mmCIF file of all heavy atoms, coordinates in Angstrom:
data_MODEL
# 
_entry.id   MODEL 
# 
loop_
_atom_site.group_PDB 
_atom_site.id 
_atom_site.type_symbol 
_atom_site.label_atom_id 
_atom_site.label_alt_id 
_atom_site.label_comp_id 
_atom_site.label_asym_id 
_atom_site.label_entity_id 
_atom_site.label_seq_id 
_atom_site.pdbx_PDB_ins_code 
_atom_site.Cartn_x 
_atom_site.Cartn_y 
_atom_site.Cartn_z 
_atom_site.occupancy 
_atom_site.B_iso_or_equiv 
_atom_site.pdbx_formal_charge 
_atom_site.auth_seq_id 
_atom_site.auth_comp_id 
_atom_site.auth_asym_id 
_atom_site.auth_atom_id 
_atom_site.pdbx_PDB_model_num 
ATOM 1   N N   . ASN A 1 1  ? 17.186 -35.060 38.859 1.00 0.00 ? 1  ASN A N   1 
ATOM 2   C CA  . ASN A 1 1  ? 18.404 -34.337 39.234 1.00 0.00 ? 1  ASN A CA  1 
ATOM 3   C C   . ASN A 1 1  ? 19.652 -35.094 38.816 1.00 0.00 ? 1  ASN A C   1 
ATOM 4   O O   . ASN A 1 1  ? 20.613 -34.499 38.330 1.00 0.00 ? 1  ASN A O   1 
ATOM 5   C CB  . ASN A 1 1  ? 18.444 -34.105 40.745 1.00 0.00 ? 1  ASN A CB  1 
ATOM 6   C CG  . ASN A 1 1  ? 17.852 -32.784 41.139 1.00 0.00 ? 1  ASN A CG  1 
ATOM 7   O OD1 . ASN A 1 1  ? 17.480 -31.981 40.301 1.00 0.00 ? 1  ASN A OD1 1 
ATOM 8   N ND2 . ASN A 1 1  ? 17.761 -32.559 42.427 1.00 0.00 ? 1  ASN A ND2 1 
ATOM 9   N N   . GLU A 1 2  ? 19.649 -36.407 39.012 1.00 0.00 ? 2  GLU A N   1 
ATOM 10  C CA  . GLU A 1 2  ? 20.801 -37.211 38.629 1.00 0.00 ? 2  GLU A CA  1 
ATOM 11  C C   . GLU A 1 2  ? 21.028 -37.142 37.118 1.00 0.00 ? 2  GLU A C   1 
ATOM 12  O O   . GLU A 1 2  ? 22.163 -37.028 36.656 1.00 0.00 ? 2  GLU A O   1 
ATOM 13  C CB  . GLU A 1 2  ? 20.618 -38.654 39.084 1.00 0.00 ? 2  GLU A CB  1 
ATOM 14  C CG  . GLU A 1 2  ? 20.757 -38.843 40.579 1.00 0.00 ? 2  GLU A CG  1 
ATOM 15  C CD  . GLU A 1 2  ? 20.487 -40.257 41.033 1.00 0.00 ? 2  GLU A CD  1 
ATOM 16  O OE1 . GLU A 1 2  ? 20.380 -41.171 40.189 1.00 0.00 ? 2  GLU A OE1 1 
ATOM 17  O OE2 . GLU A 1 2  ? 20.383 -40.462 42.257 1.00 0.00 ? 2  GLU A OE2 1 
ATOM 18  N N   . ALA A 1 3  ? 19.938 -37.200 36.359 1.00 0.00 ? 3  ALA A N   1 
ATOM 19  C CA  . ALA A 1 3  ? 20.052 -37.117 34.907 1.00 0.00 ? 3  ALA A CA  1 
ATOM 20  C C   . ALA A 1 3  ? 20.594 -35.753 34.487 1.00 0.00 ? 3  ALA A C   1 
ATOM 21  O O   . ALA A 1 3  ? 21.466 -35.652 33.612 1.00 0.00 ? 3  ALA A O   1 
ATOM 22  C CB  . ALA A 1 3  ? 18.695 -37.379 34.249 1.00 0.00 ? 3  ALA A CB  1 
ATOM 23  N N   . LYS A 1 4  ? 20.103 -34.706 35.115 1.00 0.00 ? 4  LYS A N   1 
ATOM 24  C CA  . LYS A 1 4  ? 20.570 -33.357 34.795 1.00 0.00 ? 4  LYS A CA  1 
ATOM 25  C C   . LYS A 1 4  ? 22.026 -33.173 35.204 1.00 0.00 ? 4  LYS A C   1 
ATOM 26  O O   . LYS A 1 4  ? 22.802 -32.546 34.484 1.00 0.00 ? 4  LYS A O   1 
ATOM 27  C CB  . LYS A 1 4  ? 19.686 -32.304 35.462 1.00 0.00 ? 4  LYS A CB  1 
ATOM 28  C CG  . LYS A 1 4  ? 18.336 -32.194 34.795 1.00 0.00 ? 4  LYS A CG  1 
ATOM 29  C CD  . LYS A 1 4  ? 17.444 -31.184 35.473 1.00 0.00 ? 4  LYS A CD  1 
ATOM 30  C CE  . LYS A 1 4  ? 16.080 -31.170 34.778 1.00 0.00 ? 4  LYS A CE  1 
ATOM 31  N NZ  . LYS A 1 4  ? 15.157 -30.256 35.418 1.00 0.00 ? 4  LYS A NZ  1 
ATOM 32  N N   . ASP A 1 5  ? 22.407 -33.720 36.361 1.00 0.00 ? 5  ASP A N   1 
ATOM 33  C CA  . ASP A 1 5  ? 23.802 -33.642 36.795 1.00 0.00 ? 5  ASP A CA  1 
ATOM 34  C C   . ASP A 1 5  ? 24.721 -34.336 35.791 1.00 0.00 ? 5  ASP A C   1 
ATOM 35  O O   . ASP A 1 5  ? 25.805 -33.833 35.475 1.00 0.00 ? 5  ASP A O   1 
ATOM 36  C CB  . ASP A 1 5  ? 23.988 -34.266 38.183 1.00 0.00 ? 5  ASP A CB  1 
ATOM 37  C CG  . ASP A 1 5  ? 23.427 -33.397 39.300 1.00 0.00 ? 5  ASP A CG  1 
ATOM 38  O OD1 . ASP A 1 5  ? 23.145 -32.201 39.052 1.00 0.00 ? 5  ASP A OD1 1 
ATOM 39  O OD2 . ASP A 1 5  ? 23.262 -33.914 40.432 1.00 0.00 ? 5  ASP A OD2 1 
ATOM 40  N N   . ALA A 1 6  ? 24.285 -35.487 35.290 1.00 0.00 ? 6  ALA A N   1 
ATOM 41  C CA  . ALA A 1 6  ? 25.077 -36.214 34.294 1.00 0.00 ? 6  ALA A CA  1 
ATOM 42  C C   . ALA A 1 6  ? 25.193 -35.397 33.012 1.00 0.00 ? 6  ALA A C   1 
ATOM 43  O O   . ALA A 1 6  ? 26.267 -35.323 32.399 1.00 0.00 ? 6  ALA A O   1 
ATOM 44  C CB  . ALA A 1 6  ? 24.444 -37.578 34.007 1.00 0.00 ? 6  ALA A CB  1 
ATOM 45  N N   . GLN A 1 7  ? 24.102 -34.778 32.603 1.00 0.00 ? 7  GLN A N   1 
ATOM 46  C CA  . GLN A 1 7  ? 24.117 -33.954 31.398 1.00 0.00 ? 7  GLN A CA  1 
ATOM 47  C C   . GLN A 1 7  ? 25.028 -32.741 31.592 1.00 0.00 ? 7  GLN A C   1 
ATOM 48  O O   . GLN A 1 7  ? 25.794 -32.387 30.696 1.00 0.00 ? 7  GLN A O   1 
ATOM 49  C CB  . GLN A 1 7  ? 22.694 -33.507 31.056 1.00 0.00 ? 7  GLN A CB  1 
ATOM 50  C CG  . GLN A 1 7  ? 22.597 -32.743 29.759 1.00 0.00 ? 7  GLN A CG  1 
ATOM 51  C CD  . GLN A 1 7  ? 21.166 -32.330 29.439 1.00 0.00 ? 7  GLN A CD  1 
ATOM 52  O OE1 . GLN A 1 7  ? 20.294 -32.384 30.289 1.00 0.00 ? 7  GLN A OE1 1 
ATOM 53  N NE2 . GLN A 1 7  ? 20.940 -31.910 28.219 1.00 0.00 ? 7  GLN A NE2 1 
ATOM 54  N N   . ILE A 1 8  ? 24.978 -32.110 32.738 1.00 0.00 ? 8  ILE A N   1 
ATOM 55  C CA  . ILE A 1 8  ? 25.829 -30.959 33.033 1.00 0.00 ? 8  ILE A CA  1 
ATOM 56  C C   . ILE A 1 8  ? 27.301 -31.383 32.985 1.00 0.00 ? 8  ILE A C   1 
ATOM 57  O O   . ILE A 1 8  ? 28.137 -30.684 32.404 1.00 0.00 ? 8  ILE A O   1 
ATOM 58  C CB  . ILE A 1 8  ? 25.474 -30.341 34.407 1.00 0.00 ? 8  ILE A CB  1 
ATOM 59  C CG1 . ILE A 1 8  ? 24.146 -29.602 34.312 1.00 0.00 ? 8  ILE A CG1 1 
ATOM 60  C CG2 . ILE A 1 8  ? 26.573 -29.402 34.893 1.00 0.00 ? 8  ILE A CG2 1 
ATOM 61  C CD1 . ILE A 1 8  ? 23.553 -29.186 35.648 1.00 0.00 ? 8  ILE A CD1 1 
ATOM 62  N N   . GLN A 1 9  ? 27.604 -32.522 33.584 1.00 0.00 ? 9  GLN A N   1 
ATOM 63  C CA  . GLN A 1 9  ? 28.982 -33.011 33.580 1.00 0.00 ? 9  GLN A CA  1 
ATOM 64  C C   . GLN A 1 9  ? 29.464 -33.270 32.155 1.00 0.00 ? 9  GLN A C   1 
ATOM 65  O O   . GLN A 1 9  ? 30.585 -32.916 31.790 1.00 0.00 ? 9  GLN A O   1 
ATOM 66  C CB  . GLN A 1 9  ? 29.111 -34.286 34.427 1.00 0.00 ? 9  GLN A CB  1 
ATOM 67  C CG  . GLN A 1 9  ? 30.530 -34.786 34.559 1.00 0.00 ? 9  GLN A CG  1 
ATOM 68  C CD  . GLN A 1 9  ? 31.447 -33.762 35.217 1.00 0.00 ? 9  GLN A CD  1 
ATOM 69  O OE1 . GLN A 1 9  ? 31.128 -33.223 36.261 1.00 0.00 ? 9  GLN A OE1 1 
ATOM 70  N NE2 . GLN A 1 9  ? 32.591 -33.493 34.603 1.00 0.00 ? 9  GLN A NE2 1 
ATOM 71  N N   . LYS A 1 10 ? 28.599 -33.858 31.345 1.00 0.00 ? 10 LYS A N   1 
ATOM 72  C CA  . LYS A 1 10 ? 28.949 -34.125 29.946 1.00 0.00 ? 10 LYS A CA  1 
ATOM 73  C C   . LYS A 1 10 ? 29.235 -32.813 29.213 1.00 0.00 ? 10 LYS A C   1 
ATOM 74  O O   . LYS A 1 10 ? 30.220 -32.697 28.471 1.00 0.00 ? 10 LYS A O   1 
ATOM 75  C CB  . LYS A 1 10 ? 27.806 -34.875 29.257 1.00 0.00 ? 10 LYS A CB  1 
ATOM 76  C CG  . LYS A 1 10 ? 28.056 -35.174 27.810 1.00 0.00 ? 10 LYS A CG  1 
ATOM 77  C CD  . LYS A 1 10 ? 26.851 -35.840 27.157 1.00 0.00 ? 10 LYS A CD  1 
ATOM 78  C CE  . LYS A 1 10 ? 27.055 -35.928 25.664 1.00 0.00 ? 10 LYS A CE  1 
ATOM 79  N NZ  . LYS A 1 10 ? 25.850 -36.309 24.962 1.00 0.00 ? 10 LYS A NZ  1 
ATOM 80  N N   . LEU A 1 11 ? 28.390 -31.816 29.429 1.00 0.00 ? 11 LEU A N   1 
ATOM 81  C CA  . LEU A 1 11 ? 28.578 -30.523 28.774 1.00 0.00 ? 11 LEU A CA  1 
ATOM 82  C C   . LEU A 1 11 ? 29.853 -29.831 29.267 1.00 0.00 ? 11 LEU A C   1 
ATOM 83  O O   . LEU A 1 11 ? 30.572 -29.217 28.471 1.00 0.00 ? 11 LEU A O   1 
ATOM 84  C CB  . LEU A 1 11 ? 27.357 -29.635 28.992 1.00 0.00 ? 11 LEU A CB  1 
ATOM 85  C CG  . LEU A 1 11 ? 26.077 -30.090 28.273 1.00 0.00 ? 11 LEU A CG  1 
ATOM 86  C CD1 . LEU A 1 11 ? 24.891 -29.251 28.740 1.00 0.00 ? 11 LEU A CD1 1 
ATOM 87  C CD2 . LEU A 1 11 ? 26.228 -30.025 26.769 1.00 0.00 ? 11 LEU A CD2 1 
ATOM 88  N N   . GLN A 1 12 ? 30.139 -29.949 30.546 1.00 0.00 ? 12 GLN A N   1 
ATOM 89  C CA  . GLN A 1 12 ? 31.366 -29.365 31.075 1.00 0.00 ? 12 GLN A CA  1 
ATOM 90  C C   . GLN A 1 12 ? 32.594 -30.045 30.467 1.00 0.00 ? 12 GLN A C   1 
ATOM 91  O O   . GLN A 1 12 ? 33.589 -29.387 30.157 1.00 0.00 ? 12 GLN A O   1 
ATOM 92  C CB  . GLN A 1 12 ? 31.402 -29.467 32.606 1.00 0.00 ? 12 GLN A CB  1 
ATOM 93  C CG  . GLN A 1 12 ? 30.451 -28.503 33.275 1.00 0.00 ? 12 GLN A CG  1 
ATOM 94  C CD  . GLN A 1 12 ? 30.364 -28.696 34.780 1.00 0.00 ? 12 GLN A CD  1 
ATOM 95  O OE1 . GLN A 1 12 ? 30.641 -29.782 35.310 1.00 0.00 ? 12 GLN A OE1 1 
ATOM 96  N NE2 . GLN A 1 12 ? 29.954 -27.640 35.491 1.00 0.00 ? 12 GLN A NE2 1 
ATOM 97  N N   . ASP A 1 13 ? 32.510 -31.365 30.307 1.00 0.00 ? 13 ASP A N   1 
ATOM 98  C CA  . ASP A 1 13 ? 33.611 -32.091 29.662 1.00 0.00 ? 13 ASP A CA  1 
ATOM 99  C C   . ASP A 1 13 ? 33.786 -31.643 28.212 1.00 0.00 ? 13 ASP A C   1 
ATOM 100 O O   . ASP A 1 13 ? 34.917 -31.473 27.739 1.00 0.00 ? 13 ASP A O   1 
ATOM 101 C CB  . ASP A 1 13 ? 33.370 -33.604 29.726 1.00 0.00 ? 13 ASP A CB  1 
ATOM 102 C CG  . ASP A 1 13 ? 33.453 -34.162 31.140 1.00 0.00 ? 13 ASP A CG  1 
ATOM 103 O OD1 . ASP A 1 13 ? 33.987 -33.463 32.033 1.00 0.00 ? 13 ASP A OD1 1 
ATOM 104 O OD2 . ASP A 1 13 ? 32.978 -35.296 31.353 1.00 0.00 ? 13 ASP A OD2 1 
ATOM 105 N N   . GLU A 1 14 ? 32.674 -31.448 27.513 1.00 0.00 ? 14 GLU A N   1 
ATOM 106 C CA  . GLU A 1 14 ? 32.735 -30.986 26.128 1.00 0.00 ? 14 GLU A CA  1 
ATOM 107 C C   . GLU A 1 14 ? 33.359 -29.588 26.045 1.00 0.00 ? 14 GLU A C   1 
ATOM 108 O O   . GLU A 1 14 ? 34.167 -29.314 25.159 1.00 0.00 ? 14 GLU A O   1 
ATOM 109 C CB  . GLU A 1 14 ? 31.337 -30.971 25.498 1.00 0.00 ? 14 GLU A CB  1 
ATOM 110 C CG  . GLU A 1 14 ? 30.794 -32.347 25.183 1.00 0.00 ? 14 GLU A CG  1 
ATOM 111 C CD  . GLU A 1 14 ? 29.383 -32.302 24.605 1.00 0.00 ? 14 GLU A CD  1 
ATOM 112 O OE1 . GLU A 1 14 ? 28.922 -31.218 24.177 1.00 0.00 ? 14 GLU A OE1 1 
ATOM 113 O OE2 . GLU A 1 14 ? 28.747 -33.369 24.582 1.00 0.00 ? 14 GLU A OE2 1 
ATOM 114 N N   . ILE A 1 15 ? 32.986 -28.726 26.967 1.00 0.00 ? 15 ILE A N   1 
ATOM 115 C CA  . ILE A 1 15 ? 33.556 -27.366 26.999 1.00 0.00 ? 15 ILE A CA  1 
ATOM 116 C C   . ILE A 1 15 ? 35.059 -27.436 27.237 1.00 0.00 ? 15 ILE A C   1 
ATOM 117 O O   . ILE A 1 15 ? 35.845 -26.733 26.586 1.00 0.00 ? 15 ILE A O   1 
ATOM 118 C CB  . ILE A 1 15 ? 32.870 -26.503 28.083 1.00 0.00 ? 15 ILE A CB  1 
ATOM 119 C CG1 . ILE A 1 15 ? 31.449 -26.153 27.650 1.00 0.00 ? 15 ILE A CG1 1 
ATOM 120 C CG2 . ILE A 1 15 ? 33.668 -25.238 28.369 1.00 0.00 ? 15 ILE A CG2 1 
ATOM 121 C CD1 . ILE A 1 15 ? 30.602 -25.496 28.728 1.00 0.00 ? 15 ILE A CD1 1 
ATOM 122 N N   . ALA A 1 16 ? 35.471 -28.298 28.158 1.00 0.00 ? 16 ALA A N   1 
ATOM 123 C CA  . ALA A 1 16 ? 36.900 -28.448 28.441 1.00 0.00 ? 16 ALA A CA  1 
ATOM 124 C C   . ALA A 1 16 ? 37.644 -28.930 27.199 1.00 0.00 ? 16 ALA A C   1 
ATOM 125 O O   . ALA A 1 16 ? 38.739 -28.437 26.885 1.00 0.00 ? 16 ALA A O   1 
ATOM 126 C CB  . ALA A 1 16 ? 37.102 -29.418 29.604 1.00 0.00 ? 16 ALA A CB  1 
ATOM 127 N N   . MET A 1 17 ? 37.059 -29.857 26.474 1.00 0.00 ? 17 MET A N   1 
ATOM 128 C CA  . MET A 1 17 ? 37.690 -30.351 25.242 1.00 0.00 ? 17 MET A CA  1 
ATOM 129 C C   . MET A 1 17 ? 37.761 -29.250 24.189 1.00 0.00 ? 17 MET A C   1 
ATOM 130 O O   . MET A 1 17 ? 38.779 -29.098 23.491 1.00 0.00 ? 17 MET A O   1 
ATOM 131 C CB  . MET A 1 17 ? 36.921 -31.567 24.689 1.00 0.00 ? 17 MET A CB  1 
ATOM 132 C CG  . MET A 1 17 ? 37.031 -32.812 25.547 1.00 0.00 ? 17 MET A CG  1 
ATOM 133 S SD  . MET A 1 17 ? 38.734 -33.375 25.784 1.00 0.00 ? 17 MET A SD  1 
ATOM 134 C CE  . MET A 1 17 ? 39.192 -33.794 24.124 1.00 0.00 ? 17 MET A CE  1 
ATOM 135 N N   . LYS A 1 18 ? 36.721 -28.475 24.060 1.00 0.00 ? 18 LYS A N   1 
ATOM 136 C CA  . LYS A 1 18 ? 36.713 -27.364 23.099 1.00 0.00 ? 18 LYS A CA  1 
ATOM 137 C C   . LYS A 1 18 ? 37.774 -26.330 23.476 1.00 0.00 ? 18 LYS A C   1 
ATOM 138 O O   . LYS A 1 18 ? 38.445 -25.776 22.601 1.00 0.00 ? 18 LYS A O   1 
ATOM 139 C CB  . LYS A 1 18 ? 35.332 -26.700 23.020 1.00 0.00 ? 18 LYS A CB  1 
ATOM 140 C CG  . LYS A 1 18 ? 34.242 -27.592 22.471 1.00 0.00 ? 18 LYS A CG  1 
ATOM 141 C CD  . LYS A 1 18 ? 34.484 -27.954 21.040 1.00 0.00 ? 18 LYS A CD  1 
ATOM 142 C CE  . LYS A 1 18 ? 33.374 -28.831 20.517 1.00 0.00 ? 18 LYS A CE  1 
ATOM 143 N NZ  . LYS A 1 18 ? 33.634 -29.326 19.178 1.00 0.00 ? 18 LYS A NZ  1 
ATOM 144 N N   . ASP A 1 19 ? 37.917 -26.070 24.780 1.00 0.00 ? 19 ASP A N   1 
ATOM 145 C CA  . ASP A 1 19 ? 38.952 -25.137 25.230 1.00 0.00 ? 19 ASP A CA  1 
ATOM 146 C C   . ASP A 1 19 ? 40.337 -25.641 24.845 1.00 0.00 ? 19 ASP A C   1 
ATOM 147 O O   . ASP A 1 19 ? 41.191 -24.870 24.393 1.00 0.00 ? 19 ASP A O   1 
ATOM 148 C CB  . ASP A 1 19 ? 38.872 -24.933 26.750 1.00 0.00 ? 19 ASP A CB  1 
ATOM 149 C CG  . ASP A 1 19 ? 37.712 -24.043 27.165 1.00 0.00 ? 19 ASP A CG  1 
ATOM 150 O OD1 . ASP A 1 19 ? 37.135 -23.350 26.293 1.00 0.00 ? 19 ASP A OD1 1 
ATOM 151 O OD2 . ASP A 1 19 ? 37.379 -24.036 28.377 1.00 0.00 ? 19 ASP A OD2 1 
ATOM 152 N N   . LEU A 1 20 ? 40.568 -26.947 25.008 1.00 0.00 ? 20 LEU A N   1 
ATOM 153 C CA  . LEU A 1 20 ? 41.858 -27.528 24.609 1.00 0.00 ? 20 LEU A CA  1 
ATOM 154 C C   . LEU A 1 20 ? 42.087 -27.382 23.108 1.00 0.00 ? 20 LEU A C   1 
ATOM 155 O O   . LEU A 1 20 ? 43.193 -27.049 22.659 1.00 0.00 ? 20 LEU A O   1 
ATOM 156 C CB  . LEU A 1 20 ? 41.926 -29.006 25.008 1.00 0.00 ? 20 LEU A CB  1 
ATOM 157 C CG  . LEU A 1 20 ? 42.140 -29.299 26.486 1.00 0.00 ? 20 LEU A CG  1 
ATOM 158 C CD1 . LEU A 1 20 ? 42.055 -30.803 26.756 1.00 0.00 ? 20 LEU A CD1 1 
ATOM 159 C CD2 . LEU A 1 20 ? 43.481 -28.771 26.948 1.00 0.00 ? 20 LEU A CD2 1 
ATOM 160 N N   . GLU A 1 21 ? 41.030 -27.644 22.346 1.00 0.00 ? 21 GLU A N   1 
ATOM 161 C CA  . GLU A 1 21 ? 41.141 -27.505 20.892 1.00 0.00 ? 21 GLU A CA  1 
ATOM 162 C C   . GLU A 1 21 ? 41.485 -26.067 20.520 1.00 0.00 ? 21 GLU A C   1 
ATOM 163 O O   . GLU A 1 21 ? 42.323 -25.821 19.648 1.00 0.00 ? 21 GLU A O   1 
ATOM 164 C CB  . GLU A 1 21 ? 39.838 -27.933 20.210 1.00 0.00 ? 21 GLU A CB  1 
ATOM 165 C CG  . GLU A 1 21 ? 39.576 -29.429 20.240 1.00 0.00 ? 21 GLU A CG  1 
ATOM 166 C CD  . GLU A 1 21 ? 38.218 -29.790 19.638 1.00 0.00 ? 21 GLU A CD  1 
ATOM 167 O OE1 . GLU A 1 21 ? 37.630 -28.988 18.884 1.00 0.00 ? 21 GLU A OE1 1 
ATOM 168 O OE2 . GLU A 1 21 ? 37.724 -30.889 19.949 1.00 0.00 ? 21 GLU A OE2 1 
ATOM 169 N N   . LEU A 1 22 ? 40.824 -25.107 21.166 1.00 0.00 ? 22 LEU A N   1 
ATOM 170 C CA  . LEU A 1 22 ? 41.106 -23.697 20.891 1.00 0.00 ? 22 LEU A CA  1 
ATOM 171 C C   . LEU A 1 22 ? 42.543 -23.343 21.250 1.00 0.00 ? 22 LEU A C   1 
ATOM 172 O O   . LEU A 1 22 ? 43.219 -22.618 20.509 1.00 0.00 ? 22 LEU A O   1 
ATOM 173 C CB  . LEU A 1 22 ? 40.136 -22.795 21.664 1.00 0.00 ? 22 LEU A CB  1 
ATOM 174 C CG  . LEU A 1 22 ? 38.712 -22.719 21.110 1.00 0.00 ? 22 LEU A CG  1 
ATOM 175 C CD1 . LEU A 1 22 ? 37.827 -21.914 22.060 1.00 0.00 ? 22 LEU A CD1 1 
ATOM 176 C CD2 . LEU A 1 22 ? 38.697 -22.101 19.732 1.00 0.00 ? 22 LEU A CD2 1 
ATOM 177 N N   . GLU A 1 23 ? 43.016 -23.847 22.365 1.00 0.00 ? 23 GLU A N   1 
ATOM 178 C CA  . GLU A 1 23 ? 44.400 -23.587 22.754 1.00 0.00 ? 23 GLU A CA  1 
ATOM 179 C C   . GLU A 1 23 ? 45.377 -24.151 21.726 1.00 0.00 ? 23 GLU A C   1 
ATOM 180 O O   . GLU A 1 23 ? 46.382 -23.513 21.391 1.00 0.00 ? 23 GLU A O   1 
ATOM 181 C CB  . GLU A 1 23 ? 44.680 -24.176 24.145 1.00 0.00 ? 23 GLU A CB  1 
ATOM 182 C CG  . GLU A 1 23 ? 44.026 -23.401 25.275 1.00 0.00 ? 23 GLU A CG  1 
ATOM 183 C CD  . GLU A 1 23 ? 44.278 -24.027 26.639 1.00 0.00 ? 23 GLU A CD  1 
ATOM 184 O OE1 . GLU A 1 23 ? 45.277 -24.757 26.799 1.00 0.00 ? 23 GLU A OE1 1 
ATOM 185 O OE2 . GLU A 1 23 ? 43.469 -23.775 27.548 1.00 0.00 ? 23 GLU A OE2 1 
ATOM 186 N N   . GLU A 1 24 ? 45.081 -25.343 21.216 1.00 0.00 ? 24 GLU A N   1 
ATOM 187 C CA  . GLU A 1 24 ? 45.938 -25.952 20.190 1.00 0.00 ? 24 GLU A CA  1 
ATOM 188 C C   . GLU A 1 24 ? 45.927 -25.116 18.914 1.00 0.00 ? 24 GLU A C   1 
ATOM 189 O O   . GLU A 1 24 ? 46.975 -24.897 18.288 1.00 0.00 ? 24 GLU A O   1 
ATOM 190 C CB  . GLU A 1 24 ? 45.485 -27.382 19.891 1.00 0.00 ? 24 GLU A CB  1 
ATOM 191 C CG  . GLU A 1 24 ? 45.772 -28.355 21.013 1.00 0.00 ? 24 GLU A CG  1 
ATOM 192 C CD  . GLU A 1 24 ? 45.193 -29.743 20.743 1.00 0.00 ? 24 GLU A CD  1 
ATOM 193 O OE1 . GLU A 1 24 ? 44.603 -29.971 19.666 1.00 0.00 ? 24 GLU A OE1 1 
ATOM 194 O OE2 . GLU A 1 24 ? 45.323 -30.597 21.628 1.00 0.00 ? 24 GLU A OE2 1 
ATOM 195 N N   . ILE A 1 25 ? 44.762 -24.614 18.530 1.00 0.00 ? 25 ILE A N   1 
ATOM 196 C CA  . ILE A 1 25 ? 44.650 -23.781 17.326 1.00 0.00 ? 25 ILE A CA  1 
ATOM 197 C C   . ILE A 1 25 ? 45.427 -22.481 17.516 1.00 0.00 ? 25 ILE A C   1 
ATOM 198 O O   . ILE A 1 25 ? 46.166 -22.044 16.623 1.00 0.00 ? 25 ILE A O   1 
ATOM 199 C CB  . ILE A 1 25 ? 43.167 -23.512 16.983 1.00 0.00 ? 25 ILE A CB  1 
ATOM 200 C CG1 . ILE A 1 25 ? 42.487 -24.799 16.528 1.00 0.00 ? 25 ILE A CG1 1 
ATOM 201 C CG2 . ILE A 1 25 ? 43.044 -22.416 15.938 1.00 0.00 ? 25 ILE A CG2 1 
ATOM 202 C CD1 . ILE A 1 25 ? 40.986 -24.702 16.383 1.00 0.00 ? 25 ILE A CD1 1 
# 
């Protein structure tokens, strides 16, 4: 569960970064 939680957090961070990139574009 801890490993999956860490992976989920990483993916959520990546999504947030992609959203920022899209907003900049």
